[in-house]
């Protein structure tokens, strides 16, 4: 059985993650949000998203506490993860 991967538009992804389409467009300009695919070389070329990329981005945004996503919490987590892996910070 073949599975067809359907691209998602900005409106669909925005609804999926609970933000406005305009916020998603702004995030895209600033390099934030889920990975997208540009459909051409022109500045005006459309973009699409793929569900797997959106879900992966959401997975990376999971935290166990509010302090885990603060600048200090991220640094501490990174140092802690590097220490447990034997790598140096």
PDB file of N, CA and C in Angstrom:
ATOM      1  N   UNK A   1       0.835  -1.175   0.000  1.00  0.00           N
ATOM      2  CA  UNK A   1       0.000   0.000   0.000  1.00  0.00           C
ATOM      3  C   UNK A   1       0.885   1.246   0.000  1.00  0.00           C
ATOM      4  N   UNK A   2       0.595   2.180  -0.876  1.00  0.00           N
ATOM      5  CA  UNK A   2       1.367   3.403  -0.993  1.00  0.00           C
ATOM      6  C   UNK A   2       0.680   4.522  -0.231  1.00  0.00           C
ATOM      7  N   UNK A   3       1.458   5.246   0.541  1.00  0.00           N
ATOM      8  CA  UNK A   3       0.923   6.378   1.287  1.00  0.00           C
ATOM      9  C   UNK A   3       1.309   7.656   0.552  1.00  0.00           C
ATOM     10  N   UNK A   4       0.342   8.504   0.295  1.00  0.00           N
ATOM     11  CA  UNK A   4       0.593   9.780  -0.343  1.00  0.00           C
ATOM     12  C   UNK A   4       0.733  10.852   0.725  1.00  0.00           C
ATOM     13  N   UNK A   5       1.804  11.609   0.637  1.00  0.00           N
ATOM     14  CA  UNK A   5       2.036  12.687   1.587  1.00  0.00           C
ATOM     15  C   UNK A   5       1.473  13.964   0.980  1.00  0.00           C
ATOM     16  N   UNK A   6       0.498  14.539   1.637  1.00  0.00           N
ATOM     17  CA  UNK A   6      -0.131  15.758   1.157  1.00  0.00           C
ATOM     18  C   UNK A   6       0.511  16.971   1.825  1.00  0.00           C
ATOM     19  N   UNK A   7       0.914  17.952   1.029  1.00  0.00           N
ATOM     20  CA  UNK A   7       1.443  19.178   1.630  1.00  0.00           C
ATOM     21  C   UNK A   7       0.328  19.955   2.320  1.00  0.00           C
ATOM     22  N   UNK A   8       0.699  20.686   3.343  1.00  0.00           N
ATOM     23  CA  UNK A   8      -0.249  21.512   4.090  1.00  0.00           C
ATOM     24  C   UNK A   8       0.059  22.979   3.840  1.00  0.00           C
ATOM     25  N   UNK A   9      -0.974  23.778   3.710  1.00  0.00           N
ATOM     26  CA  UNK A   9      -0.807  25.215   3.538  1.00  0.00           C
ATOM     27  C   UNK A   9      -0.656  25.927   4.869  1.00  0.00           C
ATOM     28  N   UNK A  10      -0.363  27.205   4.781  1.00  0.00           N
ATOM     29  CA  UNK A  10      -0.166  28.031   5.968  1.00  0.00           C
ATOM     30  C   UNK A  10      -1.388  28.025   6.872  1.00  0.00           C
ATOM     31  N   UNK A  11      -2.582  28.162   6.301  1.00  0.00           N
ATOM     32  CA  UNK A  11      -3.803  28.191   7.116  1.00  0.00           C
ATOM     33  C   UNK A  11      -3.994  26.889   7.883  1.00  0.00           C
ATOM     34  N   UNK A  12      -3.754  25.762   7.217  1.00  0.00           N
ATOM     35  CA  UNK A  12      -3.937  24.458   7.861  1.00  0.00           C
ATOM     36  C   UNK A  12      -2.944  24.249   9.001  1.00  0.00           C
ATOM     37  N   UNK A  13      -1.693  24.636   8.769  1.00  0.00           N
ATOM     38  CA  UNK A  13      -0.670  24.463   9.813  1.00  0.00           C
ATOM     39  C   UNK A  13      -0.936  25.396  10.984  1.00  0.00           C
ATOM     40  N   UNK A  14      -1.316  26.619  10.690  1.00  0.00           N
ATOM     41  CA  UNK A  14      -1.631  27.571  11.759  1.00  0.00           C
ATOM     42  C   UNK A  14      -2.757  27.025  12.634  1.00  0.00           C
ATOM     43  N   UNK A  15      -3.799  26.493  12.009  1.00  0.00           N
ATOM     44  CA  UNK A  15      -4.905  25.900  12.773  1.00  0.00           C
ATOM     45  C   UNK A  15      -4.424  24.693  13.569  1.00  0.00           C
ATOM     46  N   UNK A  16      -3.542  23.913  12.984  1.00  0.00           N
ATOM     47  CA  UNK A  16      -3.025  22.705  13.630  1.00  0.00           C
ATOM     48  C   UNK A  16      -2.263  23.027  14.916  1.00  0.00           C
ATOM     49  N   UNK A  17      -1.510  24.135  14.904  1.00  0.00           N
ATOM     50  CA  UNK A  17      -0.704  24.464  16.087  1.00  0.00           C
ATOM     51  C   UNK A  17      -1.318  25.572  16.937  1.00  0.00           C
ATOM     52  N   UNK A  18      -2.481  26.056  16.531  1.00  0.00           N
ATOM     53  CA  UNK A  18      -3.224  26.986  17.379  1.00  0.00           C
ATOM     54  C   UNK A  18      -2.777  28.436  17.334  1.00  0.00           C
ATOM     55  N   UNK A  19      -2.300  28.876  16.173  1.00  0.00           N
ATOM     56  CA  UNK A  19      -1.910  30.275  16.017  1.00  0.00           C
ATOM     57  C   UNK A  19      -2.587  30.833  14.767  1.00  0.00           C
ATOM     58  N   UNK A  20      -2.473  32.126  14.556  1.00  0.00           N
ATOM     59  CA  UNK A  20      -3.056  32.718  13.352  1.00  0.00           C
ATOM     60  C   UNK A  20      -2.113  32.501  12.164  1.00  0.00           C
ATOM     61  N   UNK A  21      -2.664  32.449  10.954  1.00  0.00           N
ATOM     62  CA  UNK A  21      -1.804  32.341   9.772  1.00  0.00           C
ATOM     63  C   UNK A  21      -0.779  33.477   9.686  1.00  0.00           C
ATOM     64  N   UNK A  22      -1.163  34.675  10.100  1.00  0.00           N
ATOM     65  CA  UNK A  22      -0.226  35.805  10.059  1.00  0.00           C
ATOM     66  C   UNK A  22       0.953  35.564  11.005  1.00  0.00           C
ATOM     67  N   UNK A  23       0.695  35.016  12.173  1.00  0.00           N
ATOM     68  CA  UNK A  23       1.797  34.706  13.106  1.00  0.00           C
ATOM     69  C   UNK A  23       2.742  33.702  12.472  1.00  0.00           C
ATOM     70  N   UNK A  24       2.203  32.693  11.816  1.00  0.00           N
ATOM     71  CA  UNK A  24       3.053  31.692  11.160  1.00  0.00           C
ATOM     72  C   UNK A  24       3.883  32.337  10.056  1.00  0.00           C
ATOM     73  N   UNK A  25       3.301  33.253   9.301  1.00  0.00           N
ATOM     74  CA  UNK A  25       4.059  33.966   8.256  1.00  0.00           C
ATOM     75  C   UNK A  25       5.189  34.788   8.869  1.00  0.00           C
ATOM     76  N   UNK A  26       4.900  35.463   9.968  1.00  0.00           N
ATOM     77  CA  UNK A  26       5.922  36.273  10.644  1.00  0.00           C
ATOM     78  C   UNK A  26       7.032  35.369  11.169  1.00  0.00           C
ATOM     79  N   UNK A  27       6.665  34.258  11.774  1.00  0.00           N
ATOM     80  CA  UNK A  27       7.666  33.320  12.261  1.00  0.00           C
ATOM     81  C   UNK A  27       8.571  32.857  11.120  1.00  0.00           C
ATOM     82  N   UNK A  28       7.969  32.591   9.962  1.00  0.00           N
ATOM     83  CA  UNK A  28       8.730  32.114   8.810  1.00  0.00           C
ATOM     84  C   UNK A  28       9.780  33.148   8.407  1.00  0.00           C
ATOM     85  N   UNK A  29       9.418  34.415   8.395  1.00  0.00           N
ATOM     86  CA  UNK A  29      10.348  35.491   8.041  1.00  0.00           C
ATOM     87  C   UNK A  29      11.526  35.536   9.023  1.00  0.00           C
ATOM     88  N   UNK A  30      11.244  35.237  10.281  1.00  0.00           N
ATOM     89  CA  UNK A  30      12.268  35.305  11.332  1.00  0.00           C
ATOM     90  C   UNK A  30      12.952  33.964  11.603  1.00  0.00           C
ATOM     91  N   UNK A  31      12.672  32.965  10.788  1.00  0.00           N
ATOM     92  CA  UNK A  31      13.331  31.671  10.949  1.00  0.00           C
ATOM     93  C   UNK A  31      12.820  30.869  12.121  1.00  0.00           C
ATOM     94  N   UNK A  32      11.577  31.124  12.546  1.00  0.00           N
ATOM     95  CA  UNK A  32      10.974  30.381  13.655  1.00  0.00           C
ATOM     96  C   UNK A  32       9.902  29.465  13.102  1.00  0.00           C
ATOM     97  N   UNK A  33       9.427  28.575  13.940  1.00  0.00           N
ATOM     98  CA  UNK A  33       8.324  27.707  13.540  1.00  0.00           C
ATOM     99  C   UNK A  33       8.785  26.469  12.808  1.00  0.00           C
ATOM    100  N   UNK A  34       7.815  25.702  12.321  1.00  0.00           N
ATOM    101  CA  UNK A  34       8.133  24.442  11.645  1.00  0.00           C
ATOM    102  C   UNK A  34       8.876  24.663  10.321  1.00  0.00           C
ATOM    103  N   UNK A  35       9.616  23.657   9.915  1.00  0.00           N
ATOM    104  CA  UNK A  35      10.302  23.668   8.635  1.00  0.00           C
ATOM    105  C   UNK A  35       9.274  23.731   7.516  1.00  0.00           C
ATOM    106  N   UNK A  36       9.568  24.514   6.481  1.00  0.00           N
ATOM    107  CA  UNK A  36       8.667  24.629   5.339  1.00  0.00           C
ATOM    108  C   UNK A  36       9.445  24.385   4.051  1.00  0.00           C
ATOM    109  N   UNK A  37       8.714  24.185   2.976  1.00  0.00           N
ATOM    110  CA  UNK A  37       9.307  23.985   1.661  1.00  0.00           C
ATOM    111  C   UNK A  37       8.856  25.107   0.742  1.00  0.00           C
ATOM    112  N   UNK A  38       9.793  25.773   0.122  1.00  0.00           N
ATOM    113  CA  UNK A  38       9.502  26.855  -0.817  1.00  0.00           C
ATOM    114  C   UNK A  38       9.270  26.246  -2.201  1.00  0.00           C
ATOM    115  N   UNK A  39       8.183  26.643  -2.845  1.00  0.00           N
ATOM    116  CA  UNK A  39       7.792  26.063  -4.129  1.00  0.00           C
ATOM    117  C   UNK A  39       8.265  26.905  -5.316  1.00  0.00           C
ATOM    118  N   UNK A  40       9.513  27.193  -5.360  1.00  0.00           N
ATOM    119  CA  UNK A  40      10.074  27.969  -6.458  1.00  0.00           C
ATOM    120  C   UNK A  40      11.137  28.918  -5.973  1.00  0.00           C
ATOM    121  N   UNK A  41      11.796  29.564  -6.934  1.00  0.00           N
ATOM    122  CA  UNK A  41      12.891  30.468  -6.608  1.00  0.00           C
ATOM    123  C   UNK A  41      12.442  31.908  -6.405  1.00  0.00           C
ATOM    124  N   UNK A  42      11.284  32.247  -6.951  1.00  0.00           N
ATOM    125  CA  UNK A  42      10.805  33.624  -6.860  1.00  0.00           C
ATOM    126  C   UNK A  42      10.442  33.981  -5.428  1.00  0.00           C
ATOM    127  N   UNK A  43      10.619  35.252  -5.099  1.00  0.00           N
ATOM    128  CA  UNK A  43      10.276  35.732  -3.767  1.00  0.00           C
ATOM    129  C   UNK A  43       8.805  35.448  -3.449  1.00  0.00           C
ATOM    130  N   UNK A  44       7.945  35.535  -4.463  1.00  0.00           N
ATOM    131  CA  UNK A  44       6.512  35.351  -4.274  1.00  0.00           C
ATOM    132  C   UNK A  44       6.074  33.881  -4.334  1.00  0.00           C
ATOM    133  N   UNK A  45       7.010  32.964  -4.562  1.00  0.00           N
ATOM    134  CA  UNK A  45       6.657  31.546  -4.647  1.00  0.00           C
ATOM    135  C   UNK A  45       6.019  31.088  -3.343  1.00  0.00           C
ATOM    136  N   UNK A  46       5.051  30.231  -3.452  1.00  0.00           N
ATOM    137  CA  UNK A  46       4.346  29.733  -2.276  1.00  0.00           C
ATOM    138  C   UNK A  46       5.203  28.813  -1.422  1.00  0.00           C
ATOM    139  N   UNK A  47       4.691  28.511  -0.259  1.00  0.00           N
ATOM    140  CA  UNK A  47       5.349  27.562   0.637  1.00  0.00           C
ATOM    141  C   UNK A  47       4.336  26.526   1.088  1.00  0.00           C
ATOM    142  N   UNK A  48       4.831  25.356   1.404  1.00  0.00           N
ATOM    143  CA  UNK A  48       4.006  24.307   1.980  1.00  0.00           C
ATOM    144  C   UNK A  48       4.754  23.704   3.156  1.00  0.00           C
ATOM    145  N   UNK A  49       4.004  23.028   3.972  1.00  0.00           N
ATOM    146  CA  UNK A  49       4.545  22.311   5.125  1.00  0.00           C
ATOM    147  C   UNK A  49       4.171  20.843   4.970  1.00  0.00           C
ATOM    148  N   UNK A  50       4.930  19.986   5.596  1.00  0.00           N
ATOM    149  CA  UNK A  50       4.591  18.570   5.636  1.00  0.00           C
ATOM    150  C   UNK A  50       4.325  18.183   7.083  1.00  0.00           C
ATOM    151  N   UNK A  51       3.304  17.386   7.265  1.00  0.00           N
ATOM    152  CA  UNK A  51       2.839  17.048   8.611  1.00  0.00           C
ATOM    153  C   UNK A  51       3.969  16.499   9.483  1.00  0.00           C
ATOM    154  N   UNK A  52       4.830  15.665   8.928  1.00  0.00           N
ATOM    155  CA  UNK A  52       5.926  15.092   9.717  1.00  0.00           C
ATOM    156  C   UNK A  52       6.838  16.190  10.272  1.00  0.00           C
ATOM    157  N   UNK A  53       7.092  17.232   9.471  1.00  0.00           N
ATOM    158  CA  UNK A  53       7.942  18.339   9.930  1.00  0.00           C
ATOM    159  C   UNK A  53       7.262  19.138  11.035  1.00  0.00           C
ATOM    160  N   UNK A  54       5.957  19.358  10.872  1.00  0.00           N
ATOM    161  CA  UNK A  54       5.210  20.106  11.886  1.00  0.00           C
ATOM    162  C   UNK A  54       5.185  19.316  13.195  1.00  0.00           C
ATOM    163  N   UNK A  55       4.919  18.025  13.101  1.00  0.00           N
ATOM    164  CA  UNK A  55       4.869  17.186  14.310  1.00  0.00           C
ATOM    165  C   UNK A  55       6.237  17.098  14.983  1.00  0.00           C
ATOM    166  N   UNK A  56       7.307  17.031  14.186  1.00  0.00           N
ATOM    167  CA  UNK A  56       8.663  17.000  14.756  1.00  0.00           C
ATOM    168  C   UNK A  56       8.965  18.307  15.484  1.00  0.00           C
ATOM    169  N   UNK A  57       8.552  19.431  14.892  1.00  0.00           N
ATOM    170  CA  UNK A  57       8.754  20.730  15.540  1.00  0.00           C
ATOM    171  C   UNK A  57       7.984  20.798  16.851  1.00  0.00           C
ATOM    172  N   UNK A  58       6.747  20.328  16.843  1.00  0.00           N
ATOM    173  CA  UNK A  58       5.952  20.308  18.072  1.00  0.00           C
ATOM    174  C   UNK A  58       6.602  19.429  19.135  1.00  0.00           C
ATOM    175  N   UNK A  59       7.141  18.305  18.722  1.00  0.00           N
ATOM    176  CA  UNK A  59       7.803  17.381  19.659  1.00  0.00           C
ATOM    177  C   UNK A  59       8.993  18.069  20.329  1.00  0.00           C
ATOM    178  N   UNK A  60       9.733  18.868  19.578  1.00  0.00           N
ATOM    179  CA  UNK A  60      10.881  19.596  20.137  1.00  0.00           C
ATOM    180  C   UNK A  60      10.453  20.669  21.127  1.00  0.00           C
ATOM    181  N   UNK A  61       9.204  21.072  21.090  1.00  0.00           N
ATOM    182  CA  UNK A  61       8.691  22.138  21.944  1.00  0.00           C
ATOM    183  C   UNK A  61       8.096  21.612  23.247  1.00  0.00           C
ATOM    184  N   UNK A  62       8.216  20.338  23.534  1.00  0.00           N
ATOM    185  CA  UNK A  62       7.662  19.763  24.758  1.00  0.00           C
ATOM    186  C   UNK A  62       8.599  20.005  25.943  1.00  0.00           C
ATOM    187  N   UNK A  63       8.017  20.399  27.060  1.00  0.00           N
ATOM    188  CA  UNK A  63       8.781  20.649  28.280  1.00  0.00           C
ATOM    189  C   UNK A  63       8.033  20.076  29.472  1.00  0.00           C
ATOM    190  N   UNK A  64       8.766  19.777  30.530  1.00  0.00           N
ATOM    191  CA  UNK A  64       8.168  19.255  31.753  1.00  0.00           C
ATOM    192  C   UNK A  64       7.867  20.334  32.782  1.00  0.00           C
ATOM    193  N   UNK A  65       8.481  21.497  32.631  1.00  0.00           N
ATOM    194  CA  UNK A  65       8.220  22.593  33.558  1.00  0.00           C
ATOM    195  C   UNK A  65       8.460  23.919  32.849  1.00  0.00           C
ATOM    196  N   UNK A  66       7.918  24.984  33.416  1.00  0.00           N
ATOM    197  CA  UNK A  66       8.106  26.292  32.797  1.00  0.00           C
ATOM    198  C   UNK A  66       9.560  26.743  32.846  1.00  0.00           C
ATOM    199  N   UNK A  67      10.317  26.296  33.828  1.00  0.00           N
ATOM    200  CA  UNK A  67      11.723  26.691  33.901  1.00  0.00           C
ATOM    201  C   UNK A  67      12.569  25.987  32.842  1.00  0.00           C
ATOM    202  N   UNK A  68      12.081  24.902  32.283  1.00  0.00           N
ATOM    203  CA  UNK A  68      12.855  24.149  31.293  1.00  0.00           C
ATOM    204  C   UNK A  68      13.021  24.914  29.992  1.00  0.00           C
ATOM    205  N   UNK A  69      12.112  25.829  29.664  1.00  0.00           N
ATOM    206  CA  UNK A  69      12.249  26.565  28.417  1.00  0.00           C
ATOM    207  C   UNK A  69      12.741  27.989  28.606  1.00  0.00           C
ATOM    208  N   UNK A  70      13.126  28.353  29.824  1.00  0.00           N
ATOM    209  CA  UNK A  70      13.736  29.666  30.040  1.00  0.00           C
ATOM    210  C   UNK A  70      15.166  29.613  29.495  1.00  0.00           C
ATOM    211  N   UNK A  71      15.776  30.771  29.210  1.00  0.00           N
ATOM    212  CA  UNK A  71      17.162  30.755  28.728  1.00  0.00           C
ATOM    213  C   UNK A  71      18.093  29.988  29.666  1.00  0.00           C
ATOM    214  N   UNK A  72      17.905  30.170  30.993  1.00  0.00           N
ATOM    215  CA  UNK A  72      18.750  29.459  31.953  1.00  0.00           C
ATOM    216  C   UNK A  72      18.444  27.964  31.921  1.00  0.00           C
ATOM    217  N   UNK A  73      17.186  27.606  31.834  1.00  0.00           N
ATOM    218  CA  UNK A  73      16.793  26.202  31.812  1.00  0.00           C
ATOM    219  C   UNK A  73      17.339  25.474  30.603  1.00  0.00           C
ATOM    220  N   UNK A  74      17.335  26.125  29.450  1.00  0.00           N
ATOM    221  CA  UNK A  74      17.870  25.504  28.237  1.00  0.00           C
ATOM    222  C   UNK A  74      19.372  25.300  28.350  1.00  0.00           C
ATOM    223  N   UNK A  75      20.078  26.288  28.891  1.00  0.00           N
ATOM    224  CA  UNK A  75      21.520  26.167  29.058  1.00  0.00           C
ATOM    225  C   UNK A  75      21.837  25.046  30.034  1.00  0.00           C
ATOM    226  N   UNK A  76      21.118  25.013  31.145  1.00  0.00           N
ATOM    227  CA  UNK A  76      21.360  23.974  32.145  1.00  0.00           C
ATOM    228  C   UNK A  76      21.087  22.596  31.567  1.00  0.00           C
ATOM    229  N   UNK A  77      19.999  22.465  30.805  1.00  0.00           N
ATOM    230  CA  UNK A  77      19.654  21.185  30.203  1.00  0.00           C
ATOM    231  C   UNK A  77      20.718  20.761  29.212  1.00  0.00           C
ATOM    232  N   UNK A  78      21.222  21.715  28.414  1.00  0.00           N
ATOM    233  CA  UNK A  78      22.235  21.405  27.419  1.00  0.00           C
ATOM    234  C   UNK A  78      23.513  20.936  28.101  1.00  0.00           C
ATOM    235  N   UNK A  79      23.939  21.663  29.122  1.00  0.00           N
ATOM    236  CA  UNK A  79      25.151  21.284  29.853  1.00  0.00           C
ATOM    237  C   UNK A  79      24.955  19.928  30.514  1.00  0.00           C
ATOM    238  N   UNK A  80      23.763  19.719  31.105  1.00  0.00           N
ATOM    239  CA  UNK A  80      23.484  18.453  31.761  1.00  0.00           C
ATOM    240  C   UNK A  80      23.492  17.317  30.746  1.00  0.00           C
ATOM    241  N   UNK A  81      22.889  17.526  29.560  1.00  0.00           N
ATOM    242  CA  UNK A  81      22.873  16.492  28.535  1.00  0.00           C
ATOM    243  C   UNK A  81      24.273  16.193  28.017  1.00  0.00           C
ATOM    244  N   UNK A  82      25.089  17.241  27.844  1.00  0.00           N
ATOM    245  CA  UNK A  82      26.462  17.025  27.391  1.00  0.00           C
ATOM    246  C   UNK A  82      27.269  16.275  28.454  1.00  0.00           C
ATOM    247  N   UNK A  83      27.067  16.618  29.717  1.00  0.00           N
ATOM    248  CA  UNK A  83      27.790  15.954  30.792  1.00  0.00           C
ATOM    249  C   UNK A  83      27.427  14.480  30.858  1.00  0.00           C
ATOM    250  N   UNK A  84      26.149  14.171  30.692  1.00  0.00           N
ATOM    251  CA  UNK A  84      25.733  12.773  30.779  1.00  0.00           C
ATOM    252  C   UNK A  84      26.189  11.971  29.566  1.00  0.00           C
ATOM    253  N   UNK A  85      26.453  12.660  28.430  1.00  0.00           N
ATOM    254  CA  UNK A  85      26.907  11.939  27.239  1.00  0.00           C
ATOM    255  C   UNK A  85      28.420  11.810  27.196  1.00  0.00           C
ATOM    256  N   UNK A  86      29.105  12.490  28.108  1.00  0.00           N
ATOM    257  CA  UNK A  86      30.560  12.424  28.142  1.00  0.00           C
ATOM    258  C   UNK A  86      31.226  13.501  27.294  1.00  0.00           C
ATOM    259  N   UNK A  87      30.427  14.344  26.656  1.00  0.00           N
ATOM    260  CA  UNK A  87      30.969  15.426  25.818  1.00  0.00           C
ATOM    261  C   UNK A  87      31.279  16.631  26.691  1.00  0.00           C
ATOM    262  N   UNK A  88      32.039  17.555  26.125  1.00  0.00           N
ATOM    263  CA  UNK A  88      32.334  18.772  26.888  1.00  0.00           C
ATOM    264  C   UNK A  88      31.514  19.927  26.349  1.00  0.00           C
ATOM    265  N   UNK A  89      31.169  20.875  27.239  1.00  0.00           N
ATOM    266  CA  UNK A  89      30.380  22.054  26.843  1.00  0.00           C
ATOM    267  C   UNK A  89      31.291  23.036  26.277  1.00  0.00           C
TER     268      UNK A  89
END
